Protein backbone atom coordinates (compact mmCIF):
# COMPACT_ATOMS: atom_id res chain seq x y z
CA UNK A 1 15.27 -0.10 19.64
CA UNK A 2 15.58 -2.48 22.60
CA UNK A 3 12.41 -3.78 24.13
CA UNK A 4 12.51 -4.24 27.90
CA UNK A 5 10.10 -4.86 30.74
CA UNK A 6 9.73 -3.71 34.34
CA UNK A 7 7.74 -5.83 36.80
CA UNK A 8 6.65 -3.67 39.71
CA UNK A 9 6.19 -6.05 42.63
CA UNK A 10 5.10 -3.12 44.80
CA UNK A 11 1.97 -2.88 42.65
CA UNK A 12 1.55 -6.56 41.73
CA UNK A 13 -1.23 -8.30 43.69
CA UNK A 14 -0.37 -11.85 42.58
CA UNK A 15 -3.64 -12.38 40.75
CA UNK A 16 -2.11 -14.57 37.99
CA UNK A 17 -3.92 -12.54 35.30
CA UNK A 18 -0.63 -12.29 33.37
CA UNK A 19 -0.17 -16.09 33.47
CA UNK A 20 -3.71 -16.71 32.27
CA UNK A 21 -3.44 -14.11 29.51
CA UNK A 22 -0.13 -15.58 28.36
CA UNK A 23 -1.58 -19.08 28.20
CA UNK A 24 -4.62 -17.90 26.28
CA UNK A 25 -2.75 -15.64 23.84
CA UNK A 26 0.00 -18.14 23.02
CA UNK A 27 -1.98 -21.38 23.39
CA UNK A 28 0.45 -22.67 26.01
CA UNK A 29 -0.38 -26.33 26.77
CA UNK A 30 -1.56 -27.52 30.17
CA UNK A 31 1.36 -28.08 32.53
CA UNK A 32 3.68 -25.66 30.70
CA UNK A 33 4.27 -22.02 31.56
CA UNK A 34 5.83 -19.01 29.87
CA UNK A 35 4.86 -16.72 32.74
CA UNK A 36 4.24 -17.87 36.28
CA UNK A 37 4.07 -16.57 39.84
CA UNK A 38 6.33 -17.90 42.57
CA UNK A 39 5.38 -17.38 46.22
CA UNK A 40 7.70 -17.59 49.23
CA UNK A 41 6.78 -17.34 52.91
CA UNK A 42 9.52 -15.61 54.88
CA UNK A 43 9.96 -15.15 58.59
CA UNK A 44 9.07 -16.98 61.80
CA UNK A 45 5.53 -17.23 63.14
CA UNK A 46 3.82 -14.94 63.92
CA UNK A 47 6.03 -12.53 61.96
CA UNK A 48 5.60 -14.13 58.56
CA UNK A 49 5.13 -12.41 55.24
CA UNK A 50 4.39 -13.87 51.83
CA UNK A 51 6.48 -12.56 48.94
CA UNK A 52 5.82 -13.28 45.31
CA UNK A 53 7.32 -12.47 41.93
CA UNK A 54 6.32 -12.95 38.31
CA UNK A 55 8.94 -15.07 36.54
CA UNK A 56 9.55 -15.45 32.82
CA UNK A 57 12.15 -15.19 30.07
CA UNK A 58 14.54 -12.33 30.81
CA UNK A 59 15.16 -11.36 27.15
CA UNK A 60 18.92 -11.30 27.74
CA UNK A 61 21.26 -9.11 25.72
CA UNK A 62 23.82 -11.90 25.93
CA UNK A 63 21.36 -14.77 25.67
CA UNK A 64 22.92 -18.18 26.48
CA UNK A 65 20.07 -19.99 24.73
CA UNK A 66 20.94 -18.25 21.46
CA UNK A 67 24.63 -19.13 21.77
CA UNK A 68 24.08 -22.84 22.41
CA UNK A 69 21.25 -23.52 19.94
CA UNK A 70 22.74 -25.60 17.09
CA UNK A 71 20.26 -24.55 14.39
CA UNK A 72 19.54 -20.92 15.36
CA UNK A 73 16.01 -21.92 16.40
CA UNK A 74 16.60 -19.50 19.28
CA UNK A 75 17.57 -16.11 17.91
CA UNK A 76 17.76 -12.48 18.96
CA UNK A 77 15.86 -10.01 16.82
CA UNK A 78 17.10 -6.54 15.94
CA UNK A 79 14.69 -5.03 18.48
CA UNK A 80 16.28 -7.09 21.27
CA UNK A 81 13.51 -9.68 21.60
CA UNK A 82 14.78 -13.25 21.98
CA UNK A 83 12.44 -15.26 19.78
CA UNK A 84 12.29 -18.89 18.63
CA UNK A 85 11.47 -20.77 15.45
CA UNK A 86 9.81 -24.13 16.18
CA UNK A 87 10.18 -25.16 12.55
CA UNK A 88 13.94 -25.69 12.86
CA UNK A 89 14.19 -26.79 16.50
CA UNK A 90 15.63 -30.30 16.84
CA UNK A 91 14.60 -30.72 20.48
CA UNK A 92 18.12 -31.12 21.85
CA UNK A 93 17.14 -29.32 25.10
CA UNK A 94 20.46 -27.49 25.18
CA UNK A 95 18.68 -24.15 25.46
CA UNK A 96 16.95 -25.37 28.64
CA UNK A 97 20.35 -26.15 30.14
CA UNK A 98 21.76 -22.81 29.01
CA UNK A 99 18.97 -20.64 30.42
CA UNK A 100 19.80 -19.64 34.01
CA UNK A 101 16.20 -18.53 34.58
CA UNK A 102 14.32 -21.79 33.88
CA UNK A 103 12.30 -19.94 31.26
CA UNK A 104 12.31 -22.54 28.46
CA UNK A 105 10.15 -25.65 28.25
CA UNK A 106 9.53 -28.40 25.71
CA UNK A 107 6.14 -28.09 24.03
CA UNK A 108 4.58 -31.56 24.37
CA UNK A 109 2.65 -31.13 21.12
CA UNK A 110 5.46 -30.14 18.78
CA UNK A 111 8.36 -31.59 20.83
CA UNK A 112 10.21 -28.31 20.32
CA UNK A 113 11.43 -25.62 22.69
CA UNK A 114 9.22 -22.67 23.56
CA UNK A 115 9.24 -19.68 25.90
CA UNK A 116 8.02 -16.11 26.34
CA UNK A 117 8.86 -14.18 23.19
CA UNK A 118 7.46 -10.84 24.38
CA UNK A 119 4.32 -11.54 22.30
CA UNK A 120 6.35 -10.57 19.24
CA UNK A 121 3.33 -11.10 17.00
CA UNK A 122 1.50 -8.37 18.93
CA UNK A 123 4.50 -6.05 19.08
CA UNK A 124 4.77 -6.17 15.28
CA UNK A 125 1.24 -4.77 14.88
CA UNK A 126 1.63 -2.08 17.53
CA UNK A 127 0.06 -3.90 20.48
CA UNK A 128 1.52 -4.54 23.91
CA UNK A 129 2.16 -8.09 25.18
CA UNK A 130 -0.94 -9.87 26.43
CA UNK A 131 0.31 -9.97 30.02
CA UNK A 132 0.68 -6.17 30.05
CA UNK A 133 -2.84 -5.49 28.82
CA UNK A 134 -4.32 -8.03 31.27
CA UNK A 135 -2.63 -6.67 34.39
CA UNK A 136 -5.26 -4.86 36.52
CA UNK A 137 -2.66 -2.85 38.49
CA UNK A 138 -0.43 -1.75 35.58
CA UNK A 139 2.42 -3.54 37.35
CA UNK A 140 3.97 -4.43 34.00
CA UNK A 141 5.68 -1.72 31.98
CA UNK A 142 7.22 -2.31 28.55
CA UNK A 143 9.06 0.06 26.29
CA UNK A 144 12.24 1.05 24.49
CA UNK A 145 15.29 0.97 26.73
CA UNK A 146 17.21 3.00 24.14
CA UNK A 147 14.75 5.89 24.43
CA UNK A 148 15.75 7.98 27.49
CA UNK A 149 12.28 9.58 27.55
CA UNK A 150 10.36 6.32 27.67
CA UNK A 151 8.65 5.37 30.92
CA UNK A 152 10.67 2.18 31.28
CA UNK A 153 13.97 4.03 30.86
CA UNK A 154 13.00 6.52 33.54
CA UNK A 155 12.03 3.74 35.96
CA UNK A 156 15.25 1.79 35.33
CA UNK A 157 17.48 4.86 35.62
CA UNK A 158 15.77 6.64 38.54
CA UNK A 159 14.22 3.95 40.71
CA UNK A 160 15.69 0.96 42.49
CA UNK A 161 15.37 -2.04 40.23
CA UNK A 162 17.12 -5.39 40.19
CA UNK A 163 17.61 -8.28 37.78
CA UNK A 164 17.88 -12.00 38.34
CA UNK A 165 21.38 -13.48 38.59
CA UNK A 166 23.31 -10.41 37.42
CA UNK A 167 26.60 -12.19 38.22
CA UNK A 168 26.19 -14.39 35.13
CA UNK A 169 26.60 -11.45 32.78
CA UNK A 170 23.58 -12.23 30.61
CA UNK A 171 22.38 -8.59 30.89
CA UNK A 172 18.66 -9.29 31.38
CA UNK A 173 16.13 -6.77 30.05
CA UNK A 174 13.43 -7.74 32.56
CA UNK A 175 13.76 -5.59 35.67
CA UNK A 176 12.14 -6.10 39.08
CA UNK A 177 11.05 -3.29 41.37
CA UNK A 178 10.37 -4.13 45.00
CA UNK A 179 10.90 -7.89 44.70
CA UNK A 180 12.40 -9.73 47.67
CA UNK A 181 15.55 -11.74 46.97
CA UNK A 182 13.91 -14.86 48.41
CA UNK A 183 11.77 -15.16 45.28
CA UNK A 184 14.39 -13.97 42.80
CA UNK A 185 17.16 -16.25 44.06
CA UNK A 186 16.30 -19.97 43.85
CA UNK A 187 18.84 -20.78 46.56
CA UNK A 188 17.34 -18.36 49.08
CA UNK A 189 14.31 -20.43 50.05
CA UNK A 190 13.82 -23.99 51.24
CA UNK A 191 11.61 -26.29 49.15
CA UNK A 192 9.69 -28.69 51.42
CA UNK A 193 8.45 -32.16 50.56
CA UNK A 194 4.84 -31.03 50.93
CA UNK A 195 3.39 -27.62 50.43
CA UNK A 196 0.03 -25.93 50.22
CA UNK A 197 -0.34 -26.95 46.59
CA UNK A 198 0.72 -30.59 46.75
CA UNK A 199 3.55 -33.02 47.16
CA UNK A 200 6.98 -32.59 45.60
CA UNK A 201 10.56 -33.78 45.72
CA UNK A 202 12.97 -32.45 48.33
CA UNK A 203 15.49 -30.09 46.80
CA UNK A 204 18.81 -29.11 48.38
CA UNK A 205 18.45 -26.53 51.14
CA UNK A 206 20.31 -23.35 50.40
CA UNK A 207 22.68 -21.52 52.69
CA UNK A 208 20.27 -18.59 52.60
CA UNK A 209 17.37 -20.72 53.86
CA UNK A 210 18.64 -21.72 57.27
CA UNK A 211 16.29 -22.92 59.95
CA UNK A 212 15.02 -20.33 62.37
CA UNK A 213 16.22 -20.30 65.99
CA UNK A 214 14.84 -23.26 67.90
CA UNK A 215 14.20 -25.21 64.71
CA UNK A 216 10.57 -24.03 64.49
CA UNK A 217 10.51 -23.20 60.80
CA UNK A 218 12.66 -22.24 57.87
CA UNK A 219 13.44 -18.55 57.42
CA UNK A 220 12.14 -18.70 53.82
CA UNK A 221 9.98 -21.48 52.39
CA UNK A 222 8.59 -21.85 48.88
CA UNK A 223 4.82 -21.84 49.30
CA UNK A 224 3.79 -21.99 45.65
CA UNK A 225 5.60 -22.68 42.40
CA UNK A 226 4.81 -24.37 39.12
CA UNK A 227 6.34 -27.66 37.92
CA UNK A 228 9.38 -27.05 35.75
CA UNK A 229 11.34 -29.16 33.28
CA UNK A 230 13.36 -31.02 35.92
CA UNK A 231 16.36 -32.89 34.45
CA UNK A 232 16.09 -32.56 30.65
CA UNK A 233 19.21 -34.69 30.13
CA UNK A 234 19.13 -38.22 31.51
CA UNK A 235 20.81 -41.59 31.03
CA UNK A 236 21.20 -41.20 27.27
CA UNK A 237 23.51 -38.22 27.77
CA UNK A 238 25.45 -40.11 30.45
CA UNK A 239 25.78 -43.08 28.07
CA UNK A 240 26.82 -40.72 25.26
CA UNK A 241 29.66 -39.39 27.43
CA UNK A 242 30.87 -42.90 28.26
CA UNK A 243 30.63 -44.18 24.69
CA UNK A 244 32.36 -41.09 23.34
CA UNK A 245 35.08 -41.52 25.93
CA UNK A 246 35.72 -45.10 24.80
CA UNK A 247 35.73 -44.19 21.11
CA UNK A 248 37.87 -41.08 21.39
CA UNK A 249 40.11 -42.63 24.07
CA UNK A 250 40.81 -45.71 21.96
CA UNK A 251 42.04 -43.41 19.20
CA UNK A 252 44.23 -41.48 21.63
CA UNK A 253 45.80 -44.56 23.22
CA UNK A 254 46.32 -46.36 19.92
CA UNK A 255 47.79 -43.19 18.44
CA UNK A 256 50.22 -42.88 21.32
CA UNK A 257 51.25 -46.51 20.90
CA UNK A 258 51.86 -45.84 17.21
CA UNK A 259 54.06 -42.85 18.03
CA UNK A 260 56.03 -44.97 20.50
CA UNK A 261 56.12 -48.08 18.32
CA UNK A 262 59.78 -47.86 17.44
CA UNK A 263 60.78 -47.63 21.09
CA UNK A 264 58.54 -50.33 22.56
CA UNK A 265 60.82 -53.15 23.91
CA UNK A 266 60.22 -56.42 22.12
CA UNK A 267 57.75 -55.02 19.63
CA UNK A 268 57.97 -56.91 16.31
CA UNK A 269 58.37 -55.01 13.06
CA UNK A 270 55.81 -54.99 10.30
CA UNK A 271 56.02 -56.43 6.81
CA UNK A 272 58.04 -53.53 5.51
CA UNK A 273 61.63 -52.73 6.50
CA UNK A 274 60.44 -49.82 8.67
CA UNK A 275 56.94 -51.06 9.49
CA UNK A 276 55.17 -50.25 12.75
CA UNK A 277 54.30 -53.10 15.09
CA UNK A 278 50.78 -51.74 15.50
CA UNK A 279 50.08 -51.64 11.77
CA UNK A 280 51.85 -54.86 10.92
CA UNK A 281 49.03 -57.41 10.75
CA UNK A 282 45.78 -56.49 9.09
CA UNK A 283 43.15 -57.62 11.59
CA UNK A 284 44.94 -56.69 14.83
CA UNK A 285 46.09 -53.39 13.36
CA UNK A 286 42.56 -52.43 12.36
CA UNK A 287 41.03 -53.37 15.71
CA UNK A 288 41.58 -50.03 17.53
CA UNK A 289 40.04 -48.15 14.61
CA UNK A 290 37.10 -50.54 14.48
CA UNK A 291 36.50 -50.15 18.22
CA UNK A 292 36.65 -46.37 17.85
CA UNK A 293 34.20 -46.43 14.94
CA UNK A 294 31.75 -48.64 16.80
CA UNK A 295 31.72 -46.51 19.93
CA UNK A 296 31.62 -43.20 18.05
CA UNK A 297 28.66 -44.60 16.14
CA UNK A 298 27.00 -45.55 19.43
CA UNK A 299 27.73 -42.01 20.66
CA UNK A 300 25.89 -40.56 17.68
CA UNK A 301 23.03 -42.97 18.29
CA UNK A 302 22.60 -41.80 21.88
CA UNK A 303 22.75 -38.14 20.81
CA UNK A 304 20.15 -38.57 18.09
CA UNK A 305 18.01 -40.77 20.33
CA UNK A 306 17.90 -38.08 23.01
CA UNK A 307 16.50 -35.48 20.60
CA UNK A 308 12.80 -34.71 20.81
CA UNK A 309 12.87 -34.26 17.02
CA UNK A 310 15.40 -36.82 15.75
CA UNK A 311 13.93 -36.47 12.26
CA UNK A 312 15.59 -33.04 12.11
CA UNK A 313 19.07 -34.11 13.20
CA UNK A 314 20.63 -33.33 9.82
CA UNK A 315 19.79 -29.65 10.32
CA UNK A 316 22.95 -29.53 12.44
CA UNK A 317 24.87 -30.15 9.21
CA UNK A 318 22.68 -28.28 6.73
CA UNK A 319 22.02 -25.08 8.70
CA UNK A 320 24.58 -25.02 11.50
CA UNK A 321 24.85 -22.19 14.00
CA UNK A 322 28.63 -22.19 14.31
CA UNK A 323 28.71 -20.56 17.72
CA UNK A 324 27.15 -23.68 19.25
CA UNK A 325 29.52 -26.32 20.56
CA UNK A 326 26.89 -28.91 19.72
CA UNK A 327 27.62 -28.11 16.06
CA UNK A 328 31.38 -27.90 16.55
CA UNK A 329 31.32 -31.13 18.53
CA UNK A 330 29.49 -32.90 15.71
CA UNK A 331 32.33 -32.03 13.36
CA UNK A 332 34.90 -33.07 15.98
CA UNK A 333 33.26 -36.50 16.05
CA UNK A 334 33.19 -36.61 12.25
CA UNK A 335 36.91 -35.81 12.18
CA UNK A 336 37.62 -38.65 14.60
CA UNK A 337 35.51 -40.99 12.46
CA UNK A 338 37.47 -39.94 9.36
CA UNK A 339 40.81 -40.68 11.05
CA UNK A 340 39.54 -44.06 12.25
CA UNK A 341 38.33 -44.92 8.74
CA UNK A 342 41.73 -44.07 7.24
CA UNK A 343 43.44 -46.13 9.95
CA UNK A 344 41.21 -49.14 9.27
CA UNK A 345 41.59 -48.82 5.50
CA UNK A 346 45.40 -48.72 5.69
CA UNK A 347 45.46 -51.65 8.07
CA UNK A 348 43.04 -53.84 6.13
CA UNK A 349 43.64 -53.04 2.49
CA UNK A 350 47.22 -51.86 2.07
CA UNK A 351 49.26 -54.98 1.33
CA UNK A 352 52.63 -53.21 1.34
CA UNK A 353 52.35 -52.34 5.03
CA UNK A 354 52.72 -48.93 6.58
CA UNK A 355 55.99 -47.09 7.06
CA UNK A 356 57.07 -45.79 10.44
CA UNK A 357 56.60 -42.21 9.24
CA UNK A 358 53.07 -42.87 8.08
CA UNK A 359 52.27 -44.68 11.31
CA UNK A 360 53.51 -41.78 13.40
CA UNK A 361 51.56 -39.27 11.30
CA UNK A 362 48.43 -41.36 11.69
CA UNK A 363 49.12 -41.69 15.40
CA UNK A 364 49.42 -37.91 15.78
CA UNK A 365 46.13 -37.39 13.91
CA UNK A 366 44.45 -40.02 16.08
CA UNK A 367 45.62 -38.30 19.26
CA UNK A 368 44.52 -34.85 18.04
CA UNK A 369 41.10 -36.02 16.82
CA UNK A 370 40.59 -38.06 20.02
CA UNK A 371 41.32 -35.04 22.19
CA UNK A 372 38.93 -32.90 20.13
CA UNK A 373 36.14 -35.48 20.22
CA UNK A 374 36.46 -36.08 23.95
CA UNK A 375 37.13 -32.50 25.03
CA UNK A 376 34.55 -30.51 23.07
CA UNK A 377 31.86 -31.46 25.60
CA UNK A 378 33.63 -29.24 28.14
CA UNK A 379 32.87 -26.22 25.97
CA UNK A 380 29.31 -27.43 25.33
CA UNK A 381 28.66 -27.76 29.06
CA UNK A 382 30.36 -24.39 29.51
CA UNK A 383 27.67 -22.89 27.28
CA UNK A 384 25.05 -24.44 29.59
CA UNK A 385 25.40 -21.41 31.82
CA UNK A 386 22.35 -22.28 33.86
CA UNK A 387 24.20 -25.24 35.40
CA UNK A 388 26.90 -23.94 37.74
CA UNK A 389 28.28 -27.41 38.54
CA UNK A 390 29.36 -27.86 34.92
CA UNK A 391 31.36 -24.62 34.81
CA UNK A 392 34.51 -26.09 36.38
CA UNK A 393 37.78 -24.95 34.71
CA UNK A 394 39.02 -28.52 35.25
CA UNK A 395 36.38 -30.02 32.95
CA UNK A 396 38.38 -29.98 29.70
CA UNK A 397 41.44 -31.86 31.00
CA UNK A 398 39.15 -34.08 33.07
CA UNK A 399 37.19 -35.22 30.03
CA UNK A 400 40.40 -35.91 28.09
CA UNK A 401 41.82 -37.93 31.00
CA UNK A 402 38.54 -39.85 31.35
CA UNK A 403 38.61 -40.69 27.64
CA UNK A 404 42.23 -41.82 27.89
CA UNK A 405 41.27 -44.06 30.81
CA UNK A 406 38.31 -45.47 28.86
CA UNK A 407 40.48 -46.12 25.80
CA UNK A 408 43.18 -47.79 27.87
CA UNK A 409 40.55 -49.94 29.58
CA UNK A 410 39.03 -51.01 26.27
CA UNK A 411 42.38 -51.85 24.67
CA UNK A 412 43.71 -53.72 27.71
CA UNK A 413 40.74 -56.06 27.43
CA UNK A 414 41.55 -56.52 23.73
CA UNK A 415 45.31 -56.87 24.30
CA UNK A 416 45.54 -60.55 23.22
CA UNK A 417 43.91 -59.73 19.89
CA UNK A 418 46.16 -56.69 19.41
CA UNK A 419 49.45 -58.36 20.28
CA UNK A 420 51.79 -59.46 17.51
CA UNK A 421 54.13 -61.34 19.82
CA UNK A 422 54.76 -58.87 22.61
CA UNK A 423 51.68 -59.48 24.78
CA UNK A 424 53.47 -59.04 28.10
CA UNK A 425 55.02 -55.71 27.15
CA UNK A 426 51.84 -54.43 25.51
CA UNK A 427 49.83 -55.30 28.62
CA UNK A 428 52.33 -53.60 30.89
CA UNK A 429 52.31 -50.47 28.72
CA UNK A 430 48.50 -50.30 28.67
CA UNK A 431 48.34 -51.04 32.40
CA UNK A 432 50.73 -48.14 33.04
CA UNK A 433 48.57 -45.87 30.90
CA UNK A 434 45.42 -46.98 32.71
CA UNK A 435 46.86 -46.60 36.21
CA UNK A 436 48.15 -43.10 35.45
CA UNK A 437 44.77 -42.11 33.98
CA UNK A 438 42.91 -43.47 37.03
CA UNK A 439 45.10 -41.40 39.37
CA UNK A 440 44.62 -38.22 37.33
CA UNK A 441 40.89 -38.88 36.94
CA UNK A 442 40.50 -39.32 40.70
CA UNK A 443 42.32 -36.05 41.34
CA UNK A 444 40.07 -34.29 38.82
CA UNK A 445 36.94 -35.67 40.52
CA UNK A 446 38.22 -34.41 43.86
CA UNK A 447 38.77 -31.03 42.24
CA UNK A 448 35.23 -31.04 40.80
CA UNK A 449 33.75 -31.72 44.22
CA UNK A 450 36.00 -29.48 46.30
CA UNK A 451 36.75 -26.49 44.07
CA UNK A 452 33.20 -25.09 43.99
CA UNK A 453 33.47 -22.34 46.59
CA UNK A 454 31.43 -19.75 44.67
CA UNK A 455 27.85 -20.32 43.45
CA UNK A 456 25.54 -22.12 45.83
CA UNK A 457 24.15 -24.12 42.89
CA UNK A 458 27.55 -25.74 42.35
CA UNK A 459 28.01 -26.50 46.03
CA UNK A 460 24.50 -27.96 46.25
CA UNK A 461 25.22 -30.21 43.26
CA UNK A 462 28.49 -31.37 44.82
CA UNK A 463 26.63 -32.18 48.05
CA UNK A 464 24.06 -34.15 46.06
CA UNK A 465 26.92 -36.29 44.72
CA UNK A 466 28.81 -36.89 47.95
CA UNK A 467 25.94 -37.23 50.42
CA UNK A 468 22.68 -36.68 48.58
CA UNK A 469 20.58 -38.44 45.96
CA UNK A 470 23.56 -39.59 43.92
CA UNK A 471 25.69 -40.86 46.76
CA UNK A 472 25.31 -44.51 45.68
CA UNK A 473 26.49 -43.74 42.16
CA UNK A 474 29.44 -41.84 43.59
CA UNK A 475 30.27 -44.76 45.86
CA UNK A 476 30.25 -47.13 42.88
CA UNK A 477 32.55 -44.75 40.97
CA UNK A 478 35.00 -44.57 43.88
CA UNK A 479 35.02 -48.30 44.65
CA UNK A 480 35.42 -49.20 40.98
CA UNK A 481 38.48 -46.95 40.69
CA UNK A 482 39.98 -48.35 43.89
CA UNK A 483 39.32 -51.89 42.66
CA UNK A 484 40.87 -51.17 39.27
CA UNK A 485 43.97 -49.68 40.88
CA UNK A 486 44.32 -52.70 43.17
CA UNK A 487 43.96 -55.11 40.24
CA UNK A 488 46.58 -53.22 38.27
CA UNK A 489 48.93 -53.38 41.24
CA UNK A 490 48.38 -57.15 41.30
CA UNK A 491 49.05 -57.28 37.58
CA UNK A 492 52.40 -55.55 38.00
CA UNK A 493 53.31 -57.82 40.92
CA UNK A 494 52.56 -60.99 38.94
CA UNK A 495 54.32 -59.62 35.87
CA UNK A 496 57.45 -58.86 37.90
CA UNK A 497 57.46 -62.38 39.30
CA UNK A 498 57.21 -64.05 35.88
CA UNK A 499 60.32 -63.58 33.77
CA UNK A 500 58.67 -65.24 30.79
CA UNK A 501 55.97 -62.59 30.61
CA UNK A 502 52.82 -61.47 32.31
CA UNK A 503 50.32 -63.64 30.47
CA UNK A 504 49.11 -65.17 33.71
CA UNK A 505 48.25 -61.71 34.94
CA UNK A 506 45.95 -61.03 31.97
CA UNK A 507 42.71 -61.68 33.92
CA UNK A 508 43.75 -59.04 36.45
CA UNK A 509 44.46 -56.45 33.75
CA UNK A 510 41.26 -57.19 31.85
CA UNK A 511 39.23 -57.07 35.06
CA UNK A 512 40.82 -53.73 35.92
CA UNK A 513 39.68 -52.44 32.53
CA UNK A 514 36.13 -53.60 33.21
CA UNK A 515 36.14 -52.00 36.68
CA UNK A 516 37.37 -48.76 35.15
CA UNK A 517 34.54 -48.61 32.61
CA UNK A 518 31.95 -49.27 35.33
CA UNK A 519 33.44 -46.50 37.47
CA UNK A 520 33.50 -44.07 34.56
CA UNK A 521 29.88 -44.81 33.73
CA UNK A 522 28.76 -44.30 37.33
CA UNK A 523 30.58 -40.97 37.59
CA UNK A 524 29.25 -39.70 34.27
CA UNK A 525 25.68 -40.43 35.31
CA UNK A 526 26.09 -38.82 38.71
CA UNK A 527 27.78 -35.79 37.15
CA UNK A 528 25.07 -35.25 34.53
CA UNK A 529 22.17 -35.61 36.95
CA UNK A 530 23.72 -33.69 39.85
CA UNK A 531 24.39 -30.69 37.64
CA UNK A 532 20.65 -30.44 36.99
CA UNK A 533 19.64 -30.93 40.62
CA UNK A 534 19.62 -27.33 41.95
CA UNK A 535 16.48 -25.38 40.95
CA UNK A 536 16.93 -22.46 38.56
CA UNK A 537 13.87 -20.44 39.55
């Protein structure tokens, strides 16, 4: 049994009866929609025609919202209906980002996700969905797609039907008959500042919505649509990315220094005969771990603070849906916290010092846990299949490089407190790390902005960064990186001119670290917001 639906736009008269019935049957709050009608005017006066389509949840076979939900609040029933359980939803809004069809909204009363669930409560008692019974033209057909004799199976197999965004591989079970692509494809129609139904924000013009000859009008213009969720993730998610980068990056950089401790020129030994310079003195040795713990704690604070139901956060641990990278990422962060705690405990409370072998083992664990904590977000954003800009294959290495840059920047500011006598060499090592990370990060950003040659959504988001709404943030990110690189070059020049060490160059190195963190923060914010800029419906 697989429930499906056909929407016959050849019969539909755009009366909104289905929307009204849905609102009434499911008590959908004002301003939210499970079913809505989108209208597009296409052509050039006087040859203009209005097209419309009924939009809703597509009941996907491979539902992205189910995959990303950390508590299985979104789930697929045995009969194929994608349903939701508001009692276990934590309000993370990941499902909104995952849905390519803009079908999920946050219920303002319960602060949980909601959407069309095929009127499952009616299906279970033998009734059809409310929208089907309310349609005056029988334009909505529901039935079992597994039954070859059912009416819906005959329509799907014998008549020309289409689905929304088939290229994403979600295998929708809502089929459209006679719908124009200008209403099914969000990038096929221009969205003006003002329309018949009020004032709205300008959205990026799509390649498929070019101006008509002579500039008289757009070939396809959205005439009516309902307000959607907009950008569910805002500054808290941007701040979470930056804080996580600092915490995880500090572990990675400190771990690498521990691995290289025996080969660092001028590095003093610890209290033991084979002690590591980094774990020699209690307070300086514990500092990287303390910094990591603080920023990973801040990361968790931003994540919990962004939830609509923060009181349910522990459900991620008590009833995890292991396919979600939000769950896996939580355990990646916990692993990094555990490594940092062990590091701090050994540095602060072990009077005998730490052997070189133990230091290198701890360094390897710090690097591995730092990579996991910084890189898991690439897989989480990969599950947000509705956002094409976040689907870059470069995202995983980019996030790791960004974290390494953030960790290098944080530690170079703290270099005087970390040094056990080799300040000049420690600064030079961290400055080399930071400069290399800045170069790689800049190349990755260029790849993010230039590699999107496929989906229009991704190209529109890239345009919004380079010359659209987020141009100022992008400019700050670029200038901060250029400034940091210039300061590091000055640091190396001063260090080379001072045979007694580079202490006089410390302000340059510390300032470069500060510039780097500002640039990383600006890019993260632009990246998060731009990915949510293109409309999904």
